[in-house]
PDB file of all heavy atoms in Angstrom:
ATOM      1  N   VAL A   1     116.146 393.890  20.585  1.00  0.00           N
ATOM      2  CA  VAL A   1     115.067 393.142  19.947  1.00  0.00           C
ATOM      3  C   VAL A   1     115.654 391.823  19.479  1.00  0.00           C
ATOM      4  O   VAL A   1     116.722 391.785  18.856  1.00  0.00           O
ATOM      5  CB  VAL A   1     114.477 393.911  18.751  1.00  0.00           C
ATOM      6  CG1 VAL A   1     113.473 393.039  17.997  1.00  0.00           C
ATOM      7  CG2 VAL A   1     113.803 395.191  19.226  1.00  0.00           C
ATOM      8  N   LYS A   2     114.966 390.729  19.817  1.00  0.00           N
ATOM      9  CA  LYS A   2     115.415 389.412  19.384  1.00  0.00           C
ATOM     10  C   LYS A   2     114.322 388.742  18.559  1.00  0.00           C
ATOM     11  O   LYS A   2     113.135 388.835  18.891  1.00  0.00           O
ATOM     12  CB  LYS A   2     115.765 388.528  20.590  1.00  0.00           C
ATOM     13  CG  LYS A   2     117.060 388.931  21.293  1.00  0.00           C
ATOM     14  CD  LYS A   2     117.437 387.934  22.383  1.00  0.00           C
ATOM     15  CE  LYS A   2     118.766 388.292  23.028  1.00  0.00           C
ATOM     16  NZ  LYS A   2     119.147 387.293  24.068  1.00  0.00           N
ATOM     17  N   LEU A   3     114.740 388.075  17.503  1.00  0.00           N
ATOM     18  CA  LEU A   3     113.838 387.309  16.660  1.00  0.00           C
ATOM     19  C   LEU A   3     114.438 385.920  16.516  1.00  0.00           C
ATOM     20  O   LEU A   3     115.575 385.782  16.054  1.00  0.00           O
ATOM     21  CB  LEU A   3     113.688 387.974  15.289  1.00  0.00           C
ATOM     22  CG  LEU A   3     112.708 387.321  14.310  1.00  0.00           C
ATOM     23  CD1 LEU A   3     111.291 387.335  14.869  1.00  0.00           C
ATOM     24  CD2 LEU A   3     112.760 388.015  12.954  1.00  0.00           C
ATOM     25  N   ASN A   4     113.697 384.901  16.964  1.00  0.00           N
ATOM     26  CA  ASN A   4     114.228 383.526  16.980  1.00  0.00           C
ATOM     27  C   ASN A   4     115.537 383.452  17.764  1.00  0.00           C
ATOM     28  O   ASN A   4     116.491 382.760  17.365  1.00  0.00           O
ATOM     29  CB  ASN A   4     114.433 383.010  15.553  1.00  0.00           C
ATOM     30  CG  ASN A   4     113.137 382.915  14.779  1.00  0.00           C
ATOM     31  OD1 ASN A   4     112.119 382.485  15.313  1.00  0.00           O
ATOM     32  ND2 ASN A   4     113.159 383.350  13.528  1.00  0.00           N
ATOM     33  N   ASP A   5     115.605 384.217  18.870  1.00  0.00           N
ATOM     34  CA  ASP A   5     116.775 384.263  19.766  1.00  0.00           C
ATOM     35  C   ASP A   5     117.988 384.957  19.162  1.00  0.00           C
ATOM     36  O   ASP A   5     119.060 384.990  19.784  1.00  0.00           O
ATOM     37  CB  ASP A   5     117.182 382.858  20.232  1.00  0.00           C
ATOM     38  CG  ASP A   5     116.144 382.228  21.154  1.00  0.00           C
ATOM     39  OD1 ASP A   5     115.523 382.986  21.928  1.00  0.00           O
ATOM     40  OD2 ASP A   5     115.948 381.008  21.088  1.00  0.00           O
ATOM     41  N   ASP A   6     117.849 385.526  17.972  1.00  0.00           N
ATOM     42  CA  ASP A   6     118.939 386.297  17.362  1.00  0.00           C
ATOM     43  C   ASP A   6     118.667 387.786  17.539  1.00  0.00           C
ATOM     44  O   ASP A   6     117.530 388.239  17.328  1.00  0.00           O
ATOM     45  CB  ASP A   6     119.067 385.976  15.867  1.00  0.00           C
ATOM     46  CG  ASP A   6     119.486 384.537  15.618  1.00  0.00           C
ATOM     47  OD1 ASP A   6     120.281 384.013  16.423  1.00  0.00           O
ATOM     48  OD2 ASP A   6     119.008 383.936  14.629  1.00  0.00           O
ATOM     49  N   ILE A   7     119.704 388.542  17.916  1.00  0.00           N
ATOM     50  CA  ILE A   7     119.535 389.981  18.099  1.00  0.00           C
ATOM     51  C   ILE A   7     119.308 390.663  16.752  1.00  0.00           C
ATOM     52  O   ILE A   7     120.035 390.416  15.782  1.00  0.00           O
ATOM     53  CB  ILE A   7     120.756 390.592  18.812  1.00  0.00           C
ATOM     54  CG1 ILE A   7     120.809 390.105  20.269  1.00  0.00           C
ATOM     55  CG2 ILE A   7     120.710 392.117  18.768  1.00  0.00           C
ATOM     56  CD1 ILE A   7     121.979 390.644  21.063  1.00  0.00           C
ATOM     57  N   VAL A   8     118.293 391.506  16.689  1.00  0.00           N
ATOM     58  CA  VAL A   8     117.982 392.272  15.477  1.00  0.00           C
ATOM     59  C   VAL A   8     118.665 393.639  15.593  1.00  0.00           C
ATOM     60  O   VAL A   8     118.406 394.381  16.544  1.00  0.00           O
ATOM     61  CB  VAL A   8     116.457 392.469  15.325  1.00  0.00           C
ATOM     62  CG1 VAL A   8     116.152 393.292  14.078  1.00  0.00           C
ATOM     63  CG2 VAL A   8     115.747 391.122  15.272  1.00  0.00           C
ATOM     64  N   PRO A   9     119.552 393.998  14.673  1.00  0.00           N
ATOM     65  CA  PRO A   9     120.266 395.277  14.763  1.00  0.00           C
ATOM     66  C   PRO A   9     119.387 396.454  14.340  1.00  0.00           C
ATOM     67  O   PRO A   9     119.186 396.700  13.148  1.00  0.00           O
ATOM     68  CB  PRO A   9     121.438 395.088  13.791  1.00  0.00           C
ATOM     69  CG  PRO A   9     120.914 394.122  12.767  1.00  0.00           C
ATOM     70  CD  PRO A   9     119.964 393.215  13.484  1.00  0.00           C
ATOM     71  N   LEU A  10     118.847 397.162  15.316  1.00  0.00           N
ATOM     72  CA  LEU A  10     118.012 398.327  15.041  1.00  0.00           C
ATOM     73  C   LEU A  10     118.735 399.605  15.456  1.00  0.00           C
ATOM     74  O   LEU A  10     119.497 399.612  16.426  1.00  0.00           O
ATOM     75  CB  LEU A  10     116.690 398.239  15.809  1.00  0.00           C
ATOM     76  CG  LEU A  10     115.725 397.098  15.472  1.00  0.00           C
ATOM     77  CD1 LEU A  10     114.509 397.163  16.380  1.00  0.00           C
ATOM     78  CD2 LEU A  10     115.298 397.151  14.009  1.00  0.00           C
ATOM     79  N   THR A  11     118.487 400.692  14.732  1.00  0.00           N
ATOM     80  CA  THR A  11     118.995 401.990  15.170  1.00  0.00           C
ATOM     81  C   THR A  11     118.162 402.449  16.369  1.00  0.00           C
ATOM     82  O   THR A  11     117.101 401.874  16.673  1.00  0.00           O
ATOM     83  CB  THR A  11     118.895 403.043  14.055  1.00  0.00           C
ATOM     84  OG1 THR A  11     117.508 403.333  13.812  1.00  0.00           O
ATOM     85  CG2 THR A  11     119.546 402.544  12.764  1.00  0.00           C
ATOM     86  N   ALA A  12     118.619 403.493  17.039  1.00  0.00           N
ATOM     87  CA  ALA A  12     117.908 403.996  18.217  1.00  0.00           C
ATOM     88  C   ALA A  12     116.467 404.390  17.876  1.00  0.00           C
ATOM     89  O   ALA A  12     115.529 404.063  18.606  1.00  0.00           O
ATOM     90  CB  ALA A  12     118.662 405.194  18.810  1.00  0.00           C
ATOM     91  N   LEU A  13     116.295 405.080  16.762  1.00  0.00           N
ATOM     92  CA  LEU A  13     114.956 405.534  16.397  1.00  0.00           C
ATOM     93  C   LEU A  13     114.082 404.372  15.936  1.00  0.00           C
ATOM     94  O   LEU A  13     112.883 404.330  16.224  1.00  0.00           O
ATOM     95  CB  LEU A  13     115.044 406.604  15.309  1.00  0.00           C
ATOM     96  CG  LEU A  13     113.740 407.332  14.959  1.00  0.00           C
ATOM     97  CD1 LEU A  13     113.048 407.866  16.208  1.00  0.00           C
ATOM     98  CD2 LEU A  13     114.006 408.454  13.982  1.00  0.00           C
ATOM     99  N   GLU A  14     114.676 403.410  15.225  1.00  0.00           N
ATOM    100  CA  GLU A  14     113.909 402.233  14.814  1.00  0.00           C
ATOM    101  C   GLU A  14     113.404 401.477  16.037  1.00  0.00           C
ATOM    102  O   GLU A  14     112.250 401.022  16.065  1.00  0.00           O
ATOM    103  CB  GLU A  14     114.782 401.313  13.952  1.00  0.00           C
ATOM    104  CG  GLU A  14     115.046 401.841  12.552  1.00  0.00           C
ATOM    105  CD  GLU A  14     116.138 401.086  11.822  1.00  0.00           C
ATOM    106  OE1 GLU A  14     116.668 400.097  12.376  1.00  0.00           O
ATOM    107  OE2 GLU A  14     116.482 401.495  10.696  1.00  0.00           O
ATOM    108  N   PHE A  15     114.262 401.355  17.061  1.00  0.00           N
ATOM    109  CA  PHE A  15     113.825 400.672  18.280  1.00  0.00           C
ATOM    110  C   PHE A  15     112.663 401.417  18.922  1.00  0.00           C
ATOM    111  O   PHE A  15     111.665 400.818  19.314  1.00  0.00           O
ATOM    112  CB  PHE A  15     114.968 400.542  19.290  1.00  0.00           C
ATOM    113  CG  PHE A  15     114.537 399.877  20.576  1.00  0.00           C
ATOM    114  CD1 PHE A  15     114.587 398.491  20.704  1.00  0.00           C
ATOM    115  CD2 PHE A  15     114.039 400.629  21.636  1.00  0.00           C
ATOM    116  CE1 PHE A  15     114.143 397.872  21.864  1.00  0.00           C
ATOM    117  CE2 PHE A  15     113.597 400.016  22.802  1.00  0.00           C
ATOM    118  CZ  PHE A  15     113.656 398.632  22.917  1.00  0.00           C
ATOM    119  N   ASP A  16     112.796 402.742  19.053  1.00  0.00           N
ATOM    120  CA  ASP A  16     111.742 403.537  19.691  1.00  0.00           C
ATOM    121  C   ASP A  16     110.423 403.397  18.945  1.00  0.00           C
ATOM    122  O   ASP A  16     109.351 403.280  19.558  1.00  0.00           O
ATOM    123  CB  ASP A  16     112.160 405.015  19.740  1.00  0.00           C
ATOM    124  CG  ASP A  16     113.272 405.279  20.736  1.00  0.00           C
ATOM    125  OD1 ASP A  16     113.505 404.422  21.611  1.00  0.00           O
ATOM    126  OD2 ASP A  16     113.923 406.341  20.643  1.00  0.00           O
ATOM    127  N   LEU A  17     110.486 403.405  17.622  1.00  0.00           N
ATOM    128  CA  LEU A  17     109.268 403.311  16.815  1.00  0.00           C
ATOM    129  C   LEU A  17     108.627 401.936  16.949  1.00  0.00           C
ATOM    130  O   LEU A  17     107.409 401.820  17.154  1.00  0.00           O
ATOM    131  CB  LEU A  17     109.602 403.621  15.349  1.00  0.00           C
ATOM    132  CG  LEU A  17     108.448 403.626  14.351  1.00  0.00           C
ATOM    133  CD1 LEU A  17     107.338 404.569  14.790  1.00  0.00           C
ATOM    134  CD2 LEU A  17     108.964 404.012  12.959  1.00  0.00           C
ATOM    135  N   LEU A  18     109.439 400.881  16.861  1.00  0.00           N
ATOM    136  CA  LEU A  18     108.901 399.528  16.996  1.00  0.00           C
ATOM    137  C   LEU A  18     108.323 399.308  18.394  1.00  0.00           C
ATOM    138  O   LEU A  18     107.224 398.751  18.543  1.00  0.00           O
ATOM    139  CB  LEU A  18     109.996 398.495  16.723  1.00  0.00           C
ATOM    140  CG  LEU A  18     109.607 397.021  16.960  1.00  0.00           C
ATOM    141  CD1 LEU A  18     108.436 396.612  16.082  1.00  0.00           C
ATOM    142  CD2 LEU A  18     110.804 396.103  16.725  1.00  0.00           C
ATOM    143  N   HIS A  19     109.046 399.749  19.418  1.00  0.00           N
ATOM    144  CA  HIS A  19     108.579 399.557  20.790  1.00  0.00           C
ATOM    145  C   HIS A  19     107.261 400.293  21.024  1.00  0.00           C
ATOM    146  O   HIS A  19     106.350 399.774  21.672  1.00  0.00           O
ATOM    147  CB  HIS A  19     109.636 400.032  21.789  1.00  0.00           C
ATOM    148  CG  HIS A  19     109.239 399.836  23.217  1.00  0.00           C
ATOM    149  ND1 HIS A  19     108.798 400.875  24.020  1.00  0.00           N
ATOM    150  CD2 HIS A  19     109.178 398.718  23.991  1.00  0.00           C
ATOM    151  CE1 HIS A  19     108.497 400.401  25.222  1.00  0.00           C
ATOM    152  NE2 HIS A  19     108.713 399.109  25.228  1.00  0.00           N
ATOM    153  N   PHE A  20     107.147 401.496  20.477  1.00  0.00           N
ATOM    154  CA  PHE A  20     105.914 402.259  20.652  1.00  0.00           C
ATOM    155  C   PHE A  20     104.742 401.554  19.980  1.00  0.00           C
ATOM    156  O   PHE A  20     103.674 401.379  20.586  1.00  0.00           O
ATOM    157  CB  PHE A  20     106.068 403.674  20.087  1.00  0.00           C
ATOM    158  CG  PHE A  20     104.821 404.499  20.233  1.00  0.00           C
ATOM    159  CD1 PHE A  20     104.491 405.079  21.454  1.00  0.00           C
ATOM    160  CD2 PHE A  20     103.957 404.665  19.168  1.00  0.00           C
ATOM    161  CE1 PHE A  20     103.322 405.808  21.604  1.00  0.00           C
ATOM    162  CE2 PHE A  20     102.789 405.401  19.306  1.00  0.00           C
ATOM    163  CZ  PHE A  20     102.471 405.975  20.530  1.00  0.00           C
ATOM    164  N   LEU A  21     104.924 401.129  18.739  1.00  0.00           N
ATOM    165  CA  LEU A  21     103.836 400.443  18.030  1.00  0.00           C
ATOM    166  C   LEU A  21     103.455 399.144  18.738  1.00  0.00           C
ATOM    167  O   LEU A  21     102.268 398.843  18.914  1.00  0.00           O
ATOM    168  CB  LEU A  21     104.262 400.144  16.590  1.00  0.00           C
ATOM    169  CG  LEU A  21     104.301 401.332  15.623  1.00  0.00           C
ATOM    170  CD1 LEU A  21     105.013 400.939  14.335  1.00  0.00           C
ATOM    171  CD2 LEU A  21     102.902 401.831  15.322  1.00  0.00           C
ATOM    172  N   ALA A  22     104.469 398.386  19.173  1.00  0.00           N
ATOM    173  CA  ALA A  22     104.209 397.091  19.819  1.00  0.00           C
ATOM    174  C   ALA A  22     103.582 397.255  21.196  1.00  0.00           C
ATOM    175  O   ALA A  22     102.950 396.322  21.706  1.00  0.00           O
ATOM    176  CB  ALA A  22     105.507 396.299  19.928  1.00  0.00           C
ATOM    177  N   SER A  23     103.749 398.431  21.804  1.00  0.00           N
ATOM    178  CA  SER A  23     103.147 398.692  23.113  1.00  0.00           C
ATOM    179  C   SER A  23     101.645 398.950  22.993  1.00  0.00           C
ATOM    180  O   SER A  23     100.937 398.969  23.999  1.00  0.00           O
ATOM    181  CB  SER A  23     103.815 399.907  23.776  1.00  0.00           C
ATOM    182  OG  SER A  23     105.182 399.647  24.045  1.00  0.00           O
ATOM    183  N   HIS A  24     101.162 399.159  21.761  1.00  0.00           N
ATOM    184  CA  HIS A  24      99.732 399.423  21.520  1.00  0.00           C
ATOM    185  C   HIS A  24      99.245 398.527  20.385  1.00  0.00           C
ATOM    186  O   HIS A  24      98.820 399.017  19.329  1.00  0.00           O
ATOM    187  CB  HIS A  24      99.510 400.896  21.161  1.00  0.00           C
ATOM    188  CG  HIS A  24     100.074 401.861  22.152  1.00  0.00           C
ATOM    189  ND1 HIS A  24     101.390 402.286  22.128  1.00  0.00           N
ATOM    190  CD2 HIS A  24      99.508 402.469  23.225  1.00  0.00           C
ATOM    191  CE1 HIS A  24     101.597 403.123  23.122  1.00  0.00           C
ATOM    192  NE2 HIS A  24     100.478 403.248  23.810  1.00  0.00           N
ATOM    193  N   PRO A  25      99.321 397.197  20.553  1.00  0.00           N
ATOM    194  CA  PRO A  25      98.931 396.289  19.466  1.00  0.00           C
ATOM    195  C   PRO A  25      97.489 396.500  19.028  1.00  0.00           C
ATOM    196  O   PRO A  25      96.597 396.690  19.853  1.00  0.00           O
ATOM    197  CB  PRO A  25      99.131 394.896  20.077  1.00  0.00           C
ATOM    198  CG  PRO A  25      99.111 395.103  21.555  1.00  0.00           C
ATOM    199  CD  PRO A  25      99.682 396.469  21.788  1.00  0.00           C
ATOM    200  N   GLY A  26      97.310 396.506  17.715  1.00  0.00           N
ATOM    201  CA  GLY A  26      95.967 396.642  17.155  1.00  0.00           C
ATOM    202  C   GLY A  26      95.521 398.070  16.932  1.00  0.00           C
ATOM    203  O   GLY A  26      94.575 398.314  16.184  1.00  0.00           O
ATOM    204  N   ARG A  27      96.197 399.030  17.575  1.00  0.00           N
ATOM    205  CA  ARG A  27      95.788 400.426  17.400  1.00  0.00           C
ATOM    206  C   ARG A  27      96.422 401.013  16.142  1.00  0.00           C
ATOM    207  O   ARG A  27      97.599 400.811  15.877  1.00  0.00           O
ATOM    208  CB  ARG A  27      96.193 401.264  18.614  1.00  0.00           C
ATOM    209  CG  ARG A  27      95.901 402.742  18.392  1.00  0.00           C
ATOM    210  CD  ARG A  27      95.921 403.575  19.625  1.00  0.00           C
ATOM    211  NE  ARG A  27      95.748 404.974  19.290  1.00  0.00           N
ATOM    212  CZ  ARG A  27      95.720 405.959  20.172  1.00  0.00           C
ATOM    213  NH1 ARG A  27      95.851 405.702  21.453  1.00  0.00           N
ATOM    214  NH2 ARG A  27      95.565 407.209  19.782  1.00  0.00           N
ATOM    215  N   VAL A  28      95.633 401.752  15.387  1.00  0.00           N
ATOM    216  CA  VAL A  28      96.113 402.386  14.160  1.00  0.00           C
ATOM    217  C   VAL A  28      96.609 403.793  14.484  1.00  0.00           C
ATOM    218  O   VAL A  28      95.942 404.559  15.181  1.00  0.00           O
ATOM    219  CB  VAL A  28      94.986 402.462  13.110  1.00  0.00           C
ATOM    220  CG1 VAL A  28      95.497 403.115  11.832  1.00  0.00           C
ATOM    221  CG2 VAL A  28      94.429 401.078  12.819  1.00  0.00           C
ATOM    222  N   TRP A  29      97.804 404.107  13.990  1.00  0.00           N
ATOM    223  CA  TRP A  29      98.423 405.418  14.236  1.00  0.00           C
ATOM    224  C   TRP A  29      98.660 406.137  12.913  1.00  0.00           C
ATOM    225  O   TRP A  29      99.202 405.556  11.970  1.00  0.00           O
ATOM    226  CB  TRP A  29      99.766 405.261  14.956  1.00  0.00           C
ATOM    227  CG  TRP A  29      99.650 404.662  16.308  1.00  0.00           C
ATOM    228  CD1 TRP A  29      99.709 403.340  16.640  1.00  0.00           C
ATOM    229  CD2 TRP A  29      99.444 405.360  17.544  1.00  0.00           C
ATOM    230  NE1 TRP A  29      99.555 403.173  17.993  1.00  0.00           N
ATOM    231  CE2 TRP A  29      99.390 404.392  18.579  1.00  0.00           C
ATOM    232  CE3 TRP A  29      99.305 406.705  17.883  1.00  0.00           C
ATOM    233  CZ2 TRP A  29      99.210 404.725  19.908  1.00  0.00           C
ATOM    234  CZ3 TRP A  29      99.125 407.052  19.210  1.00  0.00           C
ATOM    235  CH2 TRP A  29      99.070 406.066  20.211  1.00  0.00           C
ATOM    236  N   ARG A  30      98.257 407.404  12.870  1.00  0.00           N
ATOM    237  CA  ARG A  30      98.587 408.228  11.708  1.00  0.00           C
ATOM    238  C   ARG A  30     100.065 408.600  11.759  1.00  0.00           C
ATOM    239  O   ARG A  30     100.673 408.604  12.838  1.00  0.00           O
ATOM    240  CB  ARG A  30      97.731 409.500  11.699  1.00  0.00           C
ATOM    241  CG  ARG A  30      96.241 409.233  11.566  1.00  0.00           C
ATOM    242  CD  ARG A  30      95.441 410.535  11.534  1.00  0.00           C
ATOM    243  NE  ARG A  30      94.014 410.263  11.462  1.00  0.00           N
ATOM    244  CZ  ARG A  30      93.361 409.998  10.352  1.00  0.00           C
ATOM    245  NH1 ARG A  30      94.009 409.988   9.191  1.00  0.00           N
ATOM    246  NH2 ARG A  30      92.069 409.748  10.368  1.00  0.00           N
ATOM    247  N   ARG A  31     100.636 408.931  10.610  1.00  0.00           N
ATOM    248  CA  ARG A  31     102.048 409.315  10.570  1.00  0.00           C
ATOM    249  C   ARG A  31     102.331 410.494  11.489  1.00  0.00           C
ATOM    250  O   ARG A  31     103.331 410.516  12.205  1.00  0.00           O
ATOM    251  CB  ARG A  31     102.463 409.649   9.127  1.00  0.00           C
ATOM    252  CG  ARG A  31     102.511 408.436   8.216  1.00  0.00           C
ATOM    253  CD  ARG A  31     102.708 408.852   6.760  1.00  0.00           C
ATOM    254  NE  ARG A  31     102.734 407.701   5.864  1.00  0.00           N
ATOM    255  CZ  ARG A  31     101.649 407.068   5.439  1.00  0.00           C
ATOM    256  NH1 ARG A  31     100.446 407.446   5.832  1.00  0.00           N
ATOM    257  NH2 ARG A  31     101.768 406.033   4.612  1.00  0.00           N
ATOM    258  N   ALA A  32     101.456 411.498  11.465  1.00  0.00           N
ATOM    259  CA  ALA A  32     101.661 412.686  12.298  1.00  0.00           C
ATOM    260  C   ALA A  32     101.653 412.318  13.783  1.00  0.00           C
ATOM    261  O   ALA A  32     102.398 412.895  14.581  1.00  0.00           O
ATOM    262  CB  ALA A  32     100.583 413.734  12.007  1.00  0.00           C
ATOM    263  N   GLU A  33     100.800 411.368  14.158  1.00  0.00           N
ATOM    264  CA  GLU A  33     100.736 410.930  15.557  1.00  0.00           C
ATOM    265  C   GLU A  33     102.024 410.212  15.955  1.00  0.00           C
ATOM    266  O   GLU A  33     102.549 410.413  17.062  1.00  0.00           O
ATOM    267  CB  GLU A  33      99.541 410.006  15.764  1.00  0.00           C
ATOM    268  CG  GLU A  33      98.202 410.698  15.662  1.00  0.00           C
ATOM    269  CD  GLU A  33      97.033 409.726  15.771  1.00  0.00           C
ATOM    270  OE1 GLU A  33      97.114 408.616  15.216  1.00  0.00           O
ATOM    271  OE2 GLU A  33      96.039 410.084  16.420  1.00  0.00           O
ATOM    272  N   LEU A  34     102.541 409.380  15.057  1.00  0.00           N
ATOM    273  CA  LEU A  34     103.785 408.666  15.350  1.00  0.00           C
ATOM    274  C   LEU A  34     104.947 409.629  15.491  1.00  0.00           C
ATOM    275  O   LEU A  34     105.802 409.483  16.369  1.00  0.00           O
ATOM    276  CB  LEU A  34     104.069 407.637  14.256  1.00  0.00           C
ATOM    277  CG  LEU A  34     103.136 406.433  14.234  1.00  0.00           C
ATOM    278  CD1 LEU A  34     103.395 405.582  12.993  1.00  0.00           C
ATOM    279  CD2 LEU A  34     103.301 405.588  15.493  1.00  0.00           C
ATOM    280  N   ILE A  35     104.988 410.638  14.629  1.00  0.00           N
ATOM    281  CA  ILE A  35     106.050 411.642  14.725  1.00  0.00           C
ATOM    282  C   ILE A  35     105.977 412.360  16.064  1.00  0.00           C
ATOM    283  O   ILE A  35     106.985 412.567  16.746  1.00  0.00           O
ATOM    284  CB  ILE A  35     105.947 412.644  13.555  1.00  0.00           C
ATOM    285  CG1 ILE A  35     106.439 411.961  12.265  1.00  0.00           C
ATOM    286  CG2 ILE A  35     106.758 413.902  13.836  1.00  0.00           C
ATOM    287  CD1 ILE A  35     106.214 412.764  11.015  1.00  0.00           C
ATOM    288  N   GLN A  36     104.767 412.728  16.478  1.00  0.00           N
ATOM    289  CA  GLN A  36     104.610 413.440  17.743  1.00  0.00           C
ATOM    290  C   GLN A  36     104.966 412.555  18.930  1.00  0.00           C
ATOM    291  O   GLN A  36     105.601 413.000  19.887  1.00  0.00           O
ATOM    292  CB  GLN A  36     103.167 413.934  17.881  1.00  0.00           C
ATOM    293  CG  GLN A  36     102.964 414.844  19.086  1.00  0.00           C
ATOM    294  CD  GLN A  36     101.587 415.489  19.084  1.00  0.00           C
ATOM    295  OE1 GLN A  36     100.742 415.163  18.259  1.00  0.00           O
ATOM    296  NE2 GLN A  36     101.370 416.410  19.990  1.00  0.00           N
ATOM    297  N   GLU A  37     104.586 411.287  18.884  1.00  0.00           N
ATOM    298  CA  GLU A  37     104.809 410.383  20.009  1.00  0.00           C
ATOM    299  C   GLU A  37     106.241 409.862  20.080  1.00  0.00           C
ATOM    300  O   GLU A  37     106.818 409.756  21.163  1.00  0.00           O
ATOM    301  CB  GLU A  37     103.840 409.193  19.917  1.00  0.00           C
ATOM    302  CG  GLU A  37     102.375 409.549  20.083  1.00  0.00           C
ATOM    303  CD  GLU A  37     102.014 409.917  21.516  1.00  0.00           C
ATOM    304  OE1 GLU A  37     102.814 409.627  22.415  1.00  0.00           O
ATOM    305  OE2 GLU A  37     100.942 410.494  21.712  1.00  0.00           O
TER     306      GLU A  37
END
């Protein structure tokens, strides 16, 4: 993940969570749904 061309240090799970949310912009996810996905 890069922000202003600088690499953002994310853990493996943080990356997976951010990528999943960003892959569905605008959609609201419950906590239980995020855990399952």
